């Protein structure tokens, strides 16, 4: 009787060892589960997302250095990503650099459809986008200082200030009076000019703004509403004071 029990115990022990060995083999050969994607978009959706593509140029290299994206615009520390005067100066400093690629830098500032909607009211945004699309598509659009213009001067005004013609609005072209009511009131628009050291006049541009996390430019929006494009692919006029028209000299009356 004792011998039978001992035999049964040995059999159960052997069976338990076999089951444990089989489990260990199964665990060793089983494939590891694949990690899930953290994004809720497929790679193709991310690649075709215009807002994501427009924001991609602004990413820094993580250590306070600078990176130059495909569009040509570099991020320098955190200054460039500030939508204020400091950020605007950091951005425009790249345009006066000796090795600046003005076409690439300007192309990086092209607004997306969502950017136009963030700048102008719903009725006006598509009109301005359409009016400026030809100039952007030309591939020649360039914000460009002239030779020797290595300094930048700028002034900002919100959409509300431009509509009321207060604050820094008076430094902007008069055309902004017409379009002021169509601007988003809370957005700050910048007018800037490239000047030679020690001078106040130079090559002027306007319509620079920070929306949707990046810088864009619409030059100048009131021309697009008038069907005159943007003028961004043409050489800008110097920011010189207009000369008053002189009177024509009167001829001497002949004596009879």
Protein backbone atom coordinates (compact mmCIF):
# COMPACT_ATOMS: atom_id res chain seq x y z
CA UNK A 1 0.00 0.00 0.00
CA UNK A 2 2.79 2.39 0.92
CA UNK A 3 4.67 1.48 -2.24
CA UNK A 4 1.59 2.29 -4.39
CA UNK A 5 1.23 5.71 -2.73
CA UNK A 6 4.91 6.44 -3.22
CA UNK A 7 4.62 5.54 -6.91
CA UNK A 8 1.56 7.75 -7.37
CA UNK A 9 3.35 10.66 -5.68
CA UNK A 10 6.37 10.26 -7.94
CA UNK A 11 4.08 10.21 -11.02
CA UNK A 12 2.30 13.42 -9.98
CA UNK A 13 5.61 15.13 -9.26
CA UNK A 14 6.92 14.14 -12.71
CA UNK A 15 3.72 15.40 -14.35
CA UNK A 16 4.02 18.76 -12.52
CA UNK A 17 7.63 19.16 -13.65
CA UNK A 18 6.65 18.46 -17.27
CA UNK A 19 3.85 21.08 -17.13
CA UNK A 20 6.23 23.71 -15.68
CA UNK A 21 8.82 22.99 -18.36
CA UNK A 22 6.22 23.32 -21.14
CA UNK A 23 5.06 26.69 -19.75
CA UNK A 24 8.61 28.03 -19.65
CA UNK A 25 9.19 27.09 -23.30
CA UNK A 26 5.94 28.76 -24.36
CA UNK A 27 6.86 32.02 -22.58
CA UNK A 28 10.32 32.07 -24.13
CA UNK A 29 9.06 31.62 -27.71
CA UNK A 30 5.97 33.88 -27.56
CA UNK A 31 6.42 37.16 -29.61
CA UNK A 32 6.48 40.40 -27.65
CA UNK A 33 3.41 42.63 -28.16
CA UNK A 34 3.98 45.67 -30.47
CA UNK A 35 3.72 49.10 -28.81
CA UNK A 36 0.64 51.10 -29.78
CA UNK A 37 0.95 54.38 -31.75
CA UNK A 38 0.64 57.40 -29.51
CA UNK A 39 -0.92 59.53 -32.25
CA UNK A 40 -4.57 59.14 -33.21
CA UNK A 41 -3.64 59.98 -36.81
CA UNK A 42 -2.13 57.68 -39.37
CA UNK A 43 1.23 58.70 -40.86
CA UNK A 44 -0.46 59.67 -44.13
CA UNK A 45 -2.93 61.90 -42.31
CA UNK A 46 -0.12 63.64 -40.43
CA UNK A 47 1.83 64.18 -43.64
CA UNK A 48 -1.19 65.77 -45.32
CA UNK A 49 -2.13 67.98 -42.39
CA UNK A 50 -1.37 71.58 -43.57
CA UNK A 51 -1.47 73.00 -40.06
CA UNK A 52 1.05 70.47 -38.79
CA UNK A 53 3.29 71.14 -41.78
CA UNK A 54 3.08 74.89 -41.29
CA UNK A 55 4.05 74.60 -37.63
CA UNK A 56 6.92 72.17 -38.26
CA UNK A 57 9.46 74.83 -39.20
CA UNK A 58 9.32 76.40 -35.74
CA UNK A 59 10.74 73.49 -33.75
CA UNK A 60 14.12 74.11 -32.11
CA UNK A 61 16.84 71.51 -31.67
CA UNK A 62 16.13 71.13 -27.97
CA UNK A 63 19.33 72.64 -26.61
CA UNK A 64 18.84 76.32 -27.35
CA UNK A 65 20.67 76.15 -30.68
CA UNK A 66 19.24 76.89 -34.10
CA UNK A 67 17.77 74.64 -36.74
CA UNK A 68 17.02 75.44 -40.34
CA UNK A 69 13.93 73.69 -41.66
CA UNK A 70 13.00 72.92 -45.24
CA UNK A 71 11.33 76.32 -45.58
CA UNK A 72 14.48 78.15 -44.51
CA UNK A 73 13.25 79.76 -41.29
CA UNK A 74 15.36 79.02 -38.21
CA UNK A 75 14.29 78.96 -34.58
CA UNK A 76 16.75 80.62 -32.22
CA UNK A 77 16.14 79.57 -28.64
CA UNK A 78 12.62 80.49 -27.52
CA UNK A 79 12.55 84.10 -28.69
CA UNK A 80 11.29 83.32 -32.17
CA UNK A 81 8.24 81.52 -30.85
CA UNK A 82 7.00 84.54 -28.93
CA UNK A 83 4.25 86.42 -30.68
CA UNK A 84 5.47 89.78 -29.46
CA UNK A 85 7.98 92.45 -30.45
CA UNK A 86 10.89 90.36 -29.15
CA UNK A 87 9.81 87.42 -31.29
CA UNK A 88 9.35 89.64 -34.33
CA UNK A 89 12.86 91.04 -33.93
CA UNK A 90 14.31 87.55 -33.62
CA UNK A 91 12.53 86.55 -36.79
CA UNK A 92 13.53 89.62 -38.81
CA UNK A 93 17.16 89.37 -37.69
CA UNK A 94 17.45 86.38 -40.00
CA UNK A 95 16.54 88.53 -43.01
CA UNK A 96 19.51 90.87 -42.46
CA UNK A 97 22.02 88.07 -41.98
CA UNK A 98 24.83 88.04 -44.53
CA UNK A 99 23.91 84.57 -45.84
CA UNK A 100 20.11 85.02 -45.74
CA UNK A 101 18.03 83.15 -48.31
CA UNK A 102 15.25 85.71 -48.62
CA UNK A 103 13.00 83.66 -50.90
CA UNK A 104 13.13 80.62 -48.58
CA UNK A 105 12.65 82.73 -45.46
CA UNK A 106 9.66 84.49 -46.98
CA UNK A 107 8.12 81.25 -48.21
CA UNK A 108 8.19 80.00 -44.62
CA UNK A 109 5.86 82.86 -43.69
CA UNK A 110 3.11 81.94 -46.16
CA UNK A 111 -0.22 81.73 -44.30
CA UNK A 112 -2.37 78.60 -44.49
CA UNK A 113 -6.14 78.77 -44.91
CA UNK A 114 -6.53 78.50 -41.13
CA UNK A 115 -4.01 81.31 -40.68
CA UNK A 116 -6.02 83.63 -42.92
CA UNK A 117 -9.09 82.80 -40.84
CA UNK A 118 -7.14 83.73 -37.70
CA UNK A 119 -6.18 87.11 -39.20
CA UNK A 120 -9.39 88.26 -40.89
CA UNK A 121 -13.13 87.86 -40.49
CA UNK A 122 -14.92 84.93 -42.11
CA UNK A 123 -16.07 86.88 -45.17
CA UNK A 124 -12.73 88.55 -45.85
CA UNK A 125 -10.23 85.73 -45.18
CA UNK A 126 -10.92 83.70 -48.37
CA UNK A 127 -10.86 86.85 -50.54
CA UNK A 128 -7.43 87.87 -49.28
CA UNK A 129 -6.09 84.33 -49.54
CA UNK A 130 -7.32 84.13 -53.13
CA UNK A 131 -5.94 87.58 -53.94
CA UNK A 132 -2.47 86.69 -52.69
CA UNK A 133 -2.29 83.10 -53.94
CA UNK A 134 -0.87 84.02 -57.36
CA UNK A 135 2.03 85.98 -55.89
CA UNK A 136 2.83 83.17 -53.45
CA UNK A 137 2.63 80.56 -56.20
CA UNK A 138 5.05 82.55 -58.39
CA UNK A 139 7.97 81.34 -56.26
CA UNK A 140 9.47 84.82 -56.43
CA UNK A 141 7.96 86.24 -53.25
CA UNK A 142 10.72 87.77 -51.17
CA UNK A 143 10.94 90.10 -48.20
CA UNK A 144 14.34 91.60 -48.92
CA UNK A 145 16.45 94.44 -47.47
CA UNK A 146 18.55 96.53 -49.83
CA UNK A 147 22.33 96.63 -49.76
CA UNK A 148 23.61 98.04 -46.47
CA UNK A 149 20.25 97.83 -44.69
CA UNK A 150 21.35 95.72 -41.74
CA UNK A 151 19.08 97.06 -39.00
CA UNK A 152 15.37 96.55 -38.37
CA UNK A 153 12.77 98.96 -37.02
CA UNK A 154 9.24 97.83 -36.28
CA UNK A 155 5.95 98.93 -34.75
CA UNK A 156 2.91 96.89 -33.80
CA UNK A 157 -0.81 97.54 -33.61
CA UNK A 158 -3.71 95.23 -32.81
CA UNK A 159 -6.59 94.74 -35.19
CA UNK A 160 -8.72 96.82 -32.83
CA UNK A 161 -6.19 99.67 -32.87
CA UNK A 162 -5.98 99.60 -36.64
CA UNK A 163 -9.76 99.69 -36.91
CA UNK A 164 -9.92 102.72 -34.57
CA UNK A 165 -6.67 104.19 -35.97
CA UNK A 166 -5.12 104.48 -32.52
CA UNK A 167 -1.87 103.30 -30.89
CA UNK A 168 0.74 102.36 -33.47
CA UNK A 169 -1.80 102.35 -36.31
CA UNK A 170 -0.67 105.72 -37.64
CA UNK A 171 2.66 104.18 -38.61
CA UNK A 172 0.86 101.85 -41.02
CA UNK A 173 -0.19 102.62 -44.61
CA UNK A 174 -3.54 104.41 -44.90
CA UNK A 175 -5.00 101.34 -46.61
CA UNK A 176 -5.34 99.73 -43.18
CA UNK A 177 -8.09 102.24 -42.40
CA UNK A 178 -10.23 100.55 -45.04
CA UNK A 179 -9.54 97.02 -43.88
CA UNK A 180 -9.40 97.66 -40.14
CA UNK A 181 -12.95 96.46 -39.49
CA UNK A 182 -12.10 93.10 -41.12
CA UNK A 183 -9.07 92.38 -38.91
CA UNK A 184 -9.30 90.08 -35.90
CA UNK A 185 -9.23 92.62 -33.03
CA UNK A 186 -6.90 90.68 -30.72
CA UNK A 187 -4.18 89.91 -33.28
CA UNK A 188 -1.11 92.17 -33.29
CA UNK A 189 0.10 93.16 -36.75
CA UNK A 190 3.64 94.44 -37.27
CA UNK A 191 4.98 96.95 -39.77
CA UNK A 192 8.76 96.83 -40.16
CA UNK A 193 11.51 98.32 -42.27
CA UNK A 194 15.11 97.50 -43.02
CA UNK A 195 17.36 100.53 -42.61
CA UNK A 196 21.02 101.42 -42.83
CA UNK A 197 22.67 102.06 -39.44
CA UNK A 198 21.82 105.53 -38.19
CA UNK A 199 18.97 106.07 -40.65
CA UNK A 200 15.21 106.11 -40.09
CA UNK A 201 14.00 105.45 -43.61
CA UNK A 202 14.46 102.25 -45.55
CA UNK A 203 12.60 99.36 -47.17
CA UNK A 204 9.23 98.87 -45.46
CA UNK A 205 6.80 95.94 -45.19
CA UNK A 206 3.71 95.23 -43.10
CA UNK A 207 1.22 92.48 -42.31
CA UNK A 208 3.52 90.35 -40.11
CA UNK A 209 1.63 88.50 -37.37
CA UNK A 210 1.88 85.52 -35.03
CA UNK A 211 -1.09 83.12 -35.26
CA UNK A 212 -1.63 79.40 -34.70
CA UNK A 213 1.77 79.10 -33.05
CA UNK A 214 3.92 80.53 -35.85
CA UNK A 215 4.75 83.68 -37.81
CA UNK A 216 3.01 84.57 -41.06
CA UNK A 217 2.87 87.59 -43.34
CA UNK A 218 0.14 89.08 -45.51
CA UNK A 219 1.55 91.94 -47.60
CA UNK A 220 -0.49 94.15 -47.63
CA UNK A 221 -4.01 92.75 -47.21
CA UNK A 222 -5.90 95.77 -48.48
CA UNK A 223 -4.31 95.43 -51.92
CA UNK A 224 -5.64 91.88 -52.22
CA UNK A 225 -9.16 93.11 -51.52
CA UNK A 226 -8.74 95.68 -54.29
CA UNK A 227 -7.72 92.96 -56.73
CA UNK A 228 -4.12 94.15 -56.87
CA UNK A 229 -2.48 91.00 -55.53
CA UNK A 230 0.01 91.49 -52.73
CA UNK A 231 3.05 93.04 -54.34
CA UNK A 232 5.20 90.61 -52.37
CA UNK A 233 6.92 89.40 -55.54
CA UNK A 234 7.83 92.91 -56.59
CA UNK A 235 10.60 95.20 -55.38
CA UNK A 236 9.11 97.31 -52.56
CA UNK A 237 9.26 101.07 -52.67
CA UNK A 238 11.66 102.78 -50.30
CA UNK A 239 10.07 104.12 -47.16
CA UNK A 240 10.95 107.71 -48.00
CA UNK A 241 8.75 110.69 -47.12
CA UNK A 242 6.62 111.86 -50.00
CA UNK A 243 7.75 115.07 -51.59
CA UNK A 244 5.12 117.79 -51.84
CA UNK A 245 4.12 118.63 -55.35
CA UNK A 246 5.62 121.96 -56.34
CA UNK A 247 3.80 124.60 -58.23
CA UNK A 248 4.73 125.11 -61.82
CA UNK A 249 6.55 128.39 -62.36
CA UNK A 250 4.38 130.93 -63.99
CA UNK A 251 5.67 132.34 -67.23
CA UNK A 252 6.24 136.04 -67.56
CA UNK A 253 3.43 137.88 -69.14
CA UNK A 254 4.37 139.50 -72.37
CA UNK A 255 4.05 143.21 -72.45
CA UNK A 256 1.72 144.48 -75.07
